[in-house]
Amino acid sequence: SKVGSPSSRIDRTDFSNEKTISNLEYSNFSIRY
């Protein structure tokens, strides 16, 4: 919401589908294309 990459400008960040989960669905963090 506030930092981002050094050259970025964040106007706003929308968050949705926020929920409690019992297990992680991913084993790492990745860039998708």
ModelCIF file with pLDDT and N, C-alpha, C, O atoms, coordinates in Angstrom:
data_MODEL
#
_entry.id   MODEL 
#
_entity.id                         1 
_entity.type                       polymer 
_entity.pdbx_number_of_molecules   1 
#
_entity_poly.entity_id                      1 
_entity_poly.type                           'polypeptide(L)' 
_entity_poly.nstd_linkage                   no 
_entity_poly.nstd_monomer                   no 
_entity_poly.pdbx_seq_one_letter_code       SKVGSPSSRIDRTDFSNEKTISNLEYSNFSIRY 
_entity_poly.pdbx_seq_one_letter_code_can   SKVGSPSSRIDRTDFSNEKTISNLEYSNFSIRY 
_entity_poly.pdbx_strand_id                 A 
#
loop_
_entity_poly_seq.entity_id 
_entity_poly_seq.num 
_entity_poly_seq.mon_id 
_entity_poly_seq.hetero 
1 1  SER n 
1 2  LYS n 
1 3  VAL n 
1 4  GLY n 
1 5  SER n 
1 6  PRO n 
1 7  SER n 
1 8  SER n 
1 9  ARG n 
1 10 ILE n 
1 11 ASP n 
1 12 ARG n 
1 13 THR n 
1 14 ASP n 
1 15 PHE n 
1 16 SER n 
1 17 ASN n 
1 18 GLU n 
1 19 LYS n 
1 20 THR n 
1 21 ILE n 
1 22 SER n 
1 23 ASN n 
1 24 LEU n 
1 25 GLU n 
1 26 TYR n 
1 27 SER n 
1 28 ASN n 
1 29 PHE n 
1 30 SER n 
1 31 ILE n 
1 32 ARG n 
1 33 TYR n 
#
_struct_asym.id          A 
_struct_asym.entity_id   1 
#
loop_
_ma_qa_metric.id 
_ma_qa_metric.mode 
_ma_qa_metric.name 
_ma_qa_metric.software_group_id 
_ma_qa_metric.type 
1 global pLDDT . pLDDT 
2 local  pLDDT . pLDDT 
#
_ma_qa_metric_global.metric_id      1 
_ma_qa_metric_global.metric_value   94.79 
_ma_qa_metric_global.model_id       1 
_ma_qa_metric_global.ordinal_id     1 
#
loop_
_ma_qa_metric_local.label_asym_id 
_ma_qa_metric_local.label_comp_id 
_ma_qa_metric_local.label_seq_id 
_ma_qa_metric_local.metric_id 
_ma_qa_metric_local.metric_value 
_ma_qa_metric_local.model_id 
_ma_qa_metric_local.ordinal_id 
A SER 1  2 97.00 1 1  
A LYS 2  2 96.00 1 2  
A VAL 3  2 95.00 1 3  
A GLY 4  2 93.00 1 4  
A SER 5  2 93.00 1 5  
A PRO 6  2 94.00 1 6  
A SER 7  2 95.00 1 7  
A SER 8  2 95.00 1 8  
A ARG 9  2 96.00 1 9  
A ILE 10 2 97.00 1 10 
A ASP 11 2 97.00 1 11 
A ARG 12 2 97.00 1 12 
A THR 13 2 97.00 1 13 
A ASP 14 2 98.00 1 14 
A PHE 15 2 97.00 1 15 
A SER 16 2 97.00 1 16 
A ASN 17 2 97.00 1 17 
A GLU 18 2 96.00 1 18 
A LYS 19 2 95.00 1 19 
A THR 20 2 94.00 1 20 
A ILE 21 2 94.00 1 21 
A SER 22 2 92.00 1 22 
A ASN 23 2 91.00 1 23 
A LEU 24 2 92.00 1 24 
A GLU 25 2 94.00 1 25 
A TYR 26 2 93.00 1 26 
A SER 27 2 91.00 1 27 
A ASN 28 2 94.00 1 28 
A PHE 29 2 96.00 1 29 
A SER 30 2 96.00 1 30 
A ILE 31 2 95.00 1 31 
A ARG 32 2 94.00 1 32 
A TYR 33 2 90.00 1 33 
#
loop_
_atom_site.group_PDB 
_atom_site.id 
_atom_site.type_symbol 
_atom_site.label_atom_id 
_atom_site.label_alt_id 
_atom_site.label_comp_id 
_atom_site.label_asym_id 
_atom_site.label_entity_id 
_atom_site.label_seq_id 
_atom_site.pdbx_PDB_ins_code 
_atom_site.Cartn_x 
_atom_site.Cartn_y 
_atom_site.Cartn_z 
_atom_site.occupancy 
_atom_site.B_iso_or_equiv 
_atom_site.pdbx_formal_charge 
_atom_site.auth_seq_id 
_atom_site.auth_comp_id 
_atom_site.auth_asym_id 
_atom_site.auth_atom_id 
_atom_site.pdbx_PDB_model_num 
ATOM 1   N N  . SER A 1 1  ? 0.805   -1.231  0.000   1.00 97.00 ? 1  SER A N  1 
ATOM 2   C CA . SER A 1 1  ? 0.000   0.000   0.000   1.00 97.00 ? 1  SER A CA 1 
ATOM 3   C C  . SER A 1 1  ? 0.831   1.270   0.000   1.00 97.00 ? 1  SER A C  1 
ATOM 4   O O  . SER A 1 1  ? 0.412   2.289   -0.549  1.00 97.00 ? 1  SER A O  1 
ATOM 5   N N  . LYS A 1 2  ? 2.020   1.215   0.620   1.00 96.00 ? 2  LYS A N  1 
ATOM 6   C CA . LYS A 1 2  ? 2.755   2.454   0.881   1.00 96.00 ? 2  LYS A CA 1 
ATOM 7   C C  . LYS A 1 2  ? 4.179   2.517   0.334   1.00 96.00 ? 2  LYS A C  1 
ATOM 8   O O  . LYS A 1 2  ? 4.705   3.610   0.121   1.00 96.00 ? 2  LYS A O  1 
ATOM 9   N N  . VAL A 1 3  ? 4.813   1.365   0.103   1.00 95.00 ? 3  VAL A N  1 
ATOM 10  C CA . VAL A 1 3  ? 6.244   1.379   -0.230  1.00 95.00 ? 3  VAL A CA 1 
ATOM 11  C C  . VAL A 1 3  ? 6.487   1.025   -1.692  1.00 95.00 ? 3  VAL A C  1 
ATOM 12  O O  . VAL A 1 3  ? 6.832   1.897   -2.490  1.00 95.00 ? 3  VAL A O  1 
ATOM 13  N N  . GLY A 1 4  ? 6.312   -0.241  -2.052  1.00 93.00 ? 4  GLY A N  1 
ATOM 14  C CA . GLY A 1 4  ? 6.557   -0.676  -3.427  1.00 93.00 ? 4  GLY A CA 1 
ATOM 15  C C  . GLY A 1 4  ? 8.019   -0.603  -3.812  1.00 93.00 ? 4  GLY A C  1 
ATOM 16  O O  . GLY A 1 4  ? 8.895   -0.488  -2.956  1.00 93.00 ? 4  GLY A O  1 
ATOM 17  N N  . SER A 1 5  ? 8.276   -0.671  -5.113  1.00 93.00 ? 5  SER A N  1 
ATOM 18  C CA . SER A 1 5  ? 9.655   -0.582  -5.598  1.00 93.00 ? 5  SER A CA 1 
ATOM 19  C C  . SER A 1 5  ? 10.097  0.880   -5.583  1.00 93.00 ? 5  SER A C  1 
ATOM 20  O O  . SER A 1 5  ? 9.255   1.778   -5.575  1.00 93.00 ? 5  SER A O  1 
ATOM 21  N N  . PRO A 1 6  ? 11.417  1.131   -5.579  1.00 94.00 ? 6  PRO A N  1 
ATOM 22  C CA . PRO A 1 6  ? 11.908  2.517   -5.475  1.00 94.00 ? 6  PRO A CA 1 
ATOM 23  C C  . PRO A 1 6  ? 11.362  3.472   -6.539  1.00 94.00 ? 6  PRO A C  1 
ATOM 24  O O  . PRO A 1 6  ? 11.134  4.646   -6.245  1.00 94.00 ? 6  PRO A O  1 
ATOM 25  N N  . SER A 1 7  ? 11.150  2.996   -7.760  1.00 95.00 ? 7  SER A N  1 
ATOM 26  C CA . SER A 1 7  ? 10.687  3.885   -8.835  1.00 95.00 ? 7  SER A CA 1 
ATOM 27  C C  . SER A 1 7  ? 9.174   3.877   -9.027  1.00 95.00 ? 7  SER A C  1 
ATOM 28  O O  . SER A 1 7  ? 8.658   4.555   -9.916  1.00 95.00 ? 7  SER A O  1 
ATOM 29  N N  . SER A 1 8  ? 8.464   3.120   -8.204  1.00 95.00 ? 8  SER A N  1 
ATOM 30  C CA . SER A 1 8  ? 7.013   3.030   -8.378  1.00 95.00 ? 8  SER A CA 1 
ATOM 31  C C  . SER A 1 8  ? 6.311   4.216   -7.715  1.00 95.00 ? 8  SER A C  1 
ATOM 32  O O  . SER A 1 8  ? 6.882   4.931   -6.891  1.00 95.00 ? 8  SER A O  1 
ATOM 33  N N  . ARG A 1 9  ? 5.047   4.392   -8.114  1.00 96.00 ? 9  ARG A N  1 
ATOM 34  C CA . ARG A 1 9  ? 4.164   5.355   -7.445  1.00 96.00 ? 9  ARG A CA 1 
ATOM 35  C C  . ARG A 1 9  ? 2.854   4.614   -7.196  1.00 96.00 ? 9  ARG A C  1 
ATOM 36  O O  . ARG A 1 9  ? 2.150   4.262   -8.143  1.00 96.00 ? 9  ARG A O  1 
ATOM 37  N N  . ILE A 1 10 ? 2.530   4.382   -5.953  1.00 97.00 ? 10 ILE A N  1 
ATOM 38  C CA . ILE A 1 10 ? 1.305   3.658   -5.609  1.00 97.00 ? 10 ILE A CA 1 
ATOM 39  C C  . ILE A 1 10 ? 0.195   4.672   -5.375  1.00 97.00 ? 10 ILE A C  1 
ATOM 40  O O  . ILE A 1 10 ? 0.262   5.479   -4.448  1.00 97.00 ? 10 ILE A O  1 
ATOM 41  N N  . ASP A 1 11 ? -0.840  4.622   -6.235  1.00 97.00 ? 11 ASP A N  1 
ATOM 42  C CA . ASP A 1 11 ? -2.001  5.489   -6.050  1.00 97.00 ? 11 ASP A CA 1 
ATOM 43  C C  . ASP A 1 11 ? -2.976  4.876   -5.054  1.00 97.00 ? 11 ASP A C  1 
ATOM 44  O O  . ASP A 1 11 ? -3.510  5.565   -4.185  1.00 97.00 ? 11 ASP A O  1 
ATOM 45  N N  . ARG A 1 12 ? -3.200  3.575   -5.192  1.00 97.00 ? 12 ARG A N  1 
ATOM 46  C CA . ARG A 1 12 ? -4.051  2.866   -4.229  1.00 97.00 ? 12 ARG A CA 1 
ATOM 47  C C  . ARG A 1 12 ? -3.829  1.373   -4.382  1.00 97.00 ? 12 ARG A C  1 
ATOM 48  O O  . ARG A 1 12 ? -3.373  0.897   -5.422  1.00 97.00 ? 12 ARG A O  1 
ATOM 49  N N  . THR A 1 13 ? -4.162  0.646   -3.328  1.00 97.00 ? 13 THR A N  1 
ATOM 50  C CA . THR A 1 13 ? -4.110  -0.809  -3.356  1.00 97.00 ? 13 THR A CA 1 
ATOM 51  C C  . THR A 1 13 ? -5.436  -1.333  -2.843  1.00 97.00 ? 13 THR A C  1 
ATOM 52  O O  . THR A 1 13 ? -5.875  -0.974  -1.751  1.00 97.00 ? 13 THR A O  1 
ATOM 53  N N  . ASP A 1 14 ? -6.074  -2.184  -3.634  1.00 98.00 ? 14 ASP A N  1 
ATOM 54  C CA . ASP A 1 14 ? -7.337  -2.809  -3.237  1.00 98.00 ? 14 ASP A CA 1 
ATOM 55  C C  . ASP A 1 14 ? -7.053  -4.217  -2.739  1.00 98.00 ? 14 ASP A C  1 
ATOM 56  O O  . ASP A 1 14 ? -6.317  -4.977  -3.370  1.00 98.00 ? 14 ASP A O  1 
ATOM 57  N N  . PHE A 1 15 ? -7.645  -4.555  -1.600  1.00 97.00 ? 15 PHE A N  1 
ATOM 58  C CA . PHE A 1 15 ? -7.528  -5.898  -1.045  1.00 97.00 ? 15 PHE A CA 1 
ATOM 59  C C  . PHE A 1 15 ? -8.906  -6.543  -1.063  1.00 97.00 ? 15 PHE A C  1 
ATOM 60  O O  . PHE A 1 15 ? -9.907  -5.886  -0.777  1.00 97.00 ? 15 PHE A O  1 
ATOM 61  N N  . SER A 1 16 ? -8.958  -7.835  -1.401  1.00 97.00 ? 16 SER A N  1 
ATOM 62  C CA . SER A 1 16 ? -10.229 -8.548  -1.462  1.00 97.00 ? 16 SER A CA 1 
ATOM 63  C C  . SER A 1 16 ? -10.031 -10.005 -1.039  1.00 97.00 ? 16 SER A C  1 
ATOM 64  O O  . SER A 1 16 ? -8.905  -10.488 -0.925  1.00 97.00 ? 16 SER A O  1 
ATOM 65  N N  . ASN A 1 17 ? -11.136 -10.680 -0.813  1.00 97.00 ? 17 ASN A N  1 
ATOM 66  C CA . ASN A 1 17 ? -11.119 -12.104 -0.441  1.00 97.00 ? 17 ASN A CA 1 
ATOM 67  C C  . ASN A 1 17 ? -10.220 -12.383 0.759   1.00 97.00 ? 17 ASN A C  1 
ATOM 68  O O  . ASN A 1 17 ? -9.565  -13.424 0.815   1.00 97.00 ? 17 ASN A O  1 
ATOM 69  N N  . GLU A 1 18 ? -10.185 -11.462 1.714   1.00 96.00 ? 18 GLU A N  1 
ATOM 70  C CA . GLU A 1 18 ? -9.362  -11.662 2.903   1.00 96.00 ? 18 GLU A CA 1 
ATOM 71  C C  . GLU A 1 18 ? -10.050 -12.682 3.802   1.00 96.00 ? 18 GLU A C  1 
ATOM 72  O O  . GLU A 1 18 ? -11.213 -12.518 4.172   1.00 96.00 ? 18 GLU A O  1 
ATOM 73  N N  . LYS A 1 19 ? -9.304  -13.750 4.153   1.00 95.00 ? 19 LYS A N  1 
ATOM 74  C CA . LYS A 1 19 ? -9.913  -14.817 4.945   1.00 95.00 ? 19 LYS A CA 1 
ATOM 75  C C  . LYS A 1 19 ? -8.862  -15.585 5.733   1.00 95.00 ? 19 LYS A C  1 
ATOM 76  O O  . LYS A 1 19 ? -7.674  -15.554 5.413   1.00 95.00 ? 19 LYS A O  1 
ATOM 77  N N  . THR A 1 20 ? -9.323  -16.268 6.761   1.00 94.00 ? 20 THR A N  1 
ATOM 78  C CA . THR A 1 20 ? -8.475  -17.168 7.531   1.00 94.00 ? 20 THR A CA 1 
ATOM 79  C C  . THR A 1 20 ? -8.461  -18.507 6.802   1.00 94.00 ? 20 THR A C  1 
ATOM 80  O O  . THR A 1 20 ? -9.496  -18.984 6.339   1.00 94.00 ? 20 THR A O  1 
ATOM 81  N N  . ILE A 1 21 ? -7.281  -19.103 6.705   1.00 94.00 ? 21 ILE A N  1 
ATOM 82  C CA . ILE A 1 21 ? -7.140  -20.400 6.025   1.00 94.00 ? 21 ILE A CA 1 
ATOM 83  C C  . ILE A 1 21 ? -6.471  -21.390 6.974   1.00 94.00 ? 21 ILE A C  1 
ATOM 84  O O  . ILE A 1 21 ? -5.783  -20.988 7.912   1.00 94.00 ? 21 ILE A O  1 
ATOM 85  N N  . SER A 1 22 ? -6.673  -22.675 6.731   1.00 92.00 ? 22 SER A N  1 
ATOM 86  C CA . SER A 1 22 ? -6.071  -23.682 7.607   1.00 92.00 ? 22 SER A CA 1 
ATOM 87  C C  . SER A 1 22 ? -4.719  -24.161 7.086   1.00 92.00 ? 22 SER A C  1 
ATOM 88  O O  . SER A 1 22 ? -3.881  -24.624 7.859   1.00 92.00 ? 22 SER A O  1 
ATOM 89  N N  . ASN A 1 23 ? -4.506  -24.049 5.768   1.00 91.00 ? 23 ASN A N  1 
ATOM 90  C CA . ASN A 1 23 ? -3.235  -24.477 5.172   1.00 91.00 ? 23 ASN A CA 1 
ATOM 91  C C  . ASN A 1 23 ? -2.819  -23.507 4.080   1.00 91.00 ? 23 ASN A C  1 
ATOM 92  O O  . ASN A 1 23 ? -3.663  -22.912 3.410   1.00 91.00 ? 23 ASN A O  1 
ATOM 93  N N  . LEU A 1 24 ? -1.505  -23.350 3.904   1.00 92.00 ? 24 LEU A N  1 
ATOM 94  C CA . LEU A 1 24 ? -0.994  -22.526 2.809   1.00 92.00 ? 24 LEU A CA 1 
ATOM 95  C C  . LEU A 1 24 ? -1.217  -23.253 1.487   1.00 92.00 ? 24 LEU A C  1 
ATOM 96  O O  . LEU A 1 24 ? -1.062  -24.472 1.409   1.00 92.00 ? 24 LEU A O  1 
ATOM 97  N N  . GLU A 1 25 ? -1.579  -22.511 0.459   1.00 94.00 ? 25 GLU A N  1 
ATOM 98  C CA . GLU A 1 25 ? -1.799  -23.105 -0.860  1.00 94.00 ? 25 GLU A CA 1 
ATOM 99  C C  . GLU A 1 25 ? -0.538  -23.080 -1.724  1.00 94.00 ? 25 GLU A C  1 
ATOM 100 O O  . GLU A 1 25 ? -0.502  -23.699 -2.788  1.00 94.00 ? 25 GLU A O  1 
ATOM 101 N N  . TYR A 1 26 ? 0.492   -22.371 -1.271  1.00 93.00 ? 26 TYR A N  1 
ATOM 102 C CA . TYR A 1 26 ? 1.744   -22.229 -2.035  1.00 93.00 ? 26 TYR A CA 1 
ATOM 103 C C  . TYR A 1 26 ? 2.913   -22.575 -1.128  1.00 93.00 ? 26 TYR A C  1 
ATOM 104 O O  . TYR A 1 26 ? 2.812   -22.487 0.096   1.00 93.00 ? 26 TYR A O  1 
ATOM 105 N N  . SER A 1 27 ? 4.024   -22.969 -1.738  1.00 91.00 ? 27 SER A N  1 
ATOM 106 C CA . SER A 1 27 ? 5.214   -23.288 -0.942  1.00 91.00 ? 27 SER A CA 1 
ATOM 107 C C  . SER A 1 27 ? 6.246   -22.170 -1.000  1.00 91.00 ? 27 SER A C  1 
ATOM 108 O O  . SER A 1 27 ? 7.226   -22.189 -0.256  1.00 91.00 ? 27 SER A O  1 
ATOM 109 N N  . ASN A 1 28 ? 6.030   -21.191 -1.884  1.00 94.00 ? 28 ASN A N  1 
ATOM 110 C CA . ASN A 1 28 ? 6.955   -20.067 -2.012  1.00 94.00 ? 28 ASN A CA 1 
ATOM 111 C C  . ASN A 1 28 ? 6.213   -18.871 -2.582  1.00 94.00 ? 28 ASN A C  1 
ATOM 112 O O  . ASN A 1 28 ? 4.993   -18.909 -2.740  1.00 94.00 ? 28 ASN A O  1 
ATOM 113 N N  . PHE A 1 29 ? 6.946   -17.808 -2.892  1.00 96.00 ? 29 PHE A N  1 
ATOM 114 C CA . PHE A 1 29 ? 6.364   -16.644 -3.542  1.00 96.00 ? 29 PHE A CA 1 
ATOM 115 C C  . PHE A 1 29 ? 6.967   -16.549 -4.933  1.00 96.00 ? 29 PHE A C  1 
ATOM 116 O O  . PHE A 1 29 ? 8.185   -16.637 -5.090  1.00 96.00 ? 29 PHE A O  1 
ATOM 117 N N  . SER A 1 30 ? 6.118   -16.369 -5.952  1.00 96.00 ? 30 SER A N  1 
ATOM 118 C CA . SER A 1 30 ? 6.628   -16.379 -7.318  1.00 96.00 ? 30 SER A CA 1 
ATOM 119 C C  . SER A 1 30 ? 6.043   -15.249 -8.160  1.00 96.00 ? 30 SER A C  1 
ATOM 120 O O  . SER A 1 30 ? 4.996   -14.680 -7.850  1.00 96.00 ? 30 SER A O  1 
ATOM 121 N N  . ILE A 1 31 ? 6.766   -14.952 -9.239  1.00 95.00 ? 31 ILE A N  1 
ATOM 122 C CA . ILE A 1 31 ? 6.294   -13.992 -10.243 1.00 95.00 ? 31 ILE A CA 1 
ATOM 123 C C  . ILE A 1 31 ? 5.601   -14.817 -11.319 1.00 95.00 ? 31 ILE A C  1 
ATOM 124 O O  . ILE A 1 31 ? 6.167   -15.780 -11.836 1.00 95.00 ? 31 ILE A O  1 
ATOM 125 N N  . ARG A 1 32 ? 4.385   -14.436 -11.649 1.00 94.00 ? 32 ARG A N  1 
ATOM 126 C CA . ARG A 1 32 ? 3.652   -15.116 -12.721 1.00 94.00 ? 32 ARG A CA 1 
ATOM 127 C C  . ARG A 1 32 ? 3.673   -14.244 -13.971 1.00 94.00 ? 32 ARG A C  1 
ATOM 128 O O  . ARG A 1 32 ? 3.777   -13.020 -13.895 1.00 94.00 ? 32 ARG A O  1 
ATOM 129 N N  . TYR A 1 33 ? 3.570   -14.904 -15.124 1.00 90.00 ? 33 TYR A N  1 
ATOM 130 C CA . TYR A 1 33 ? 3.594   -14.207 -16.399 1.00 90.00 ? 33 TYR A CA 1 
ATOM 131 C C  . TYR A 1 33 ? 2.340   -14.482 -17.199 1.00 90.00 ? 33 TYR A C  1 
ATOM 132 O O  . TYR A 1 33 ? 2.191   -13.970 -18.309 1.00 90.00 ? 33 TYR A O  1 
#
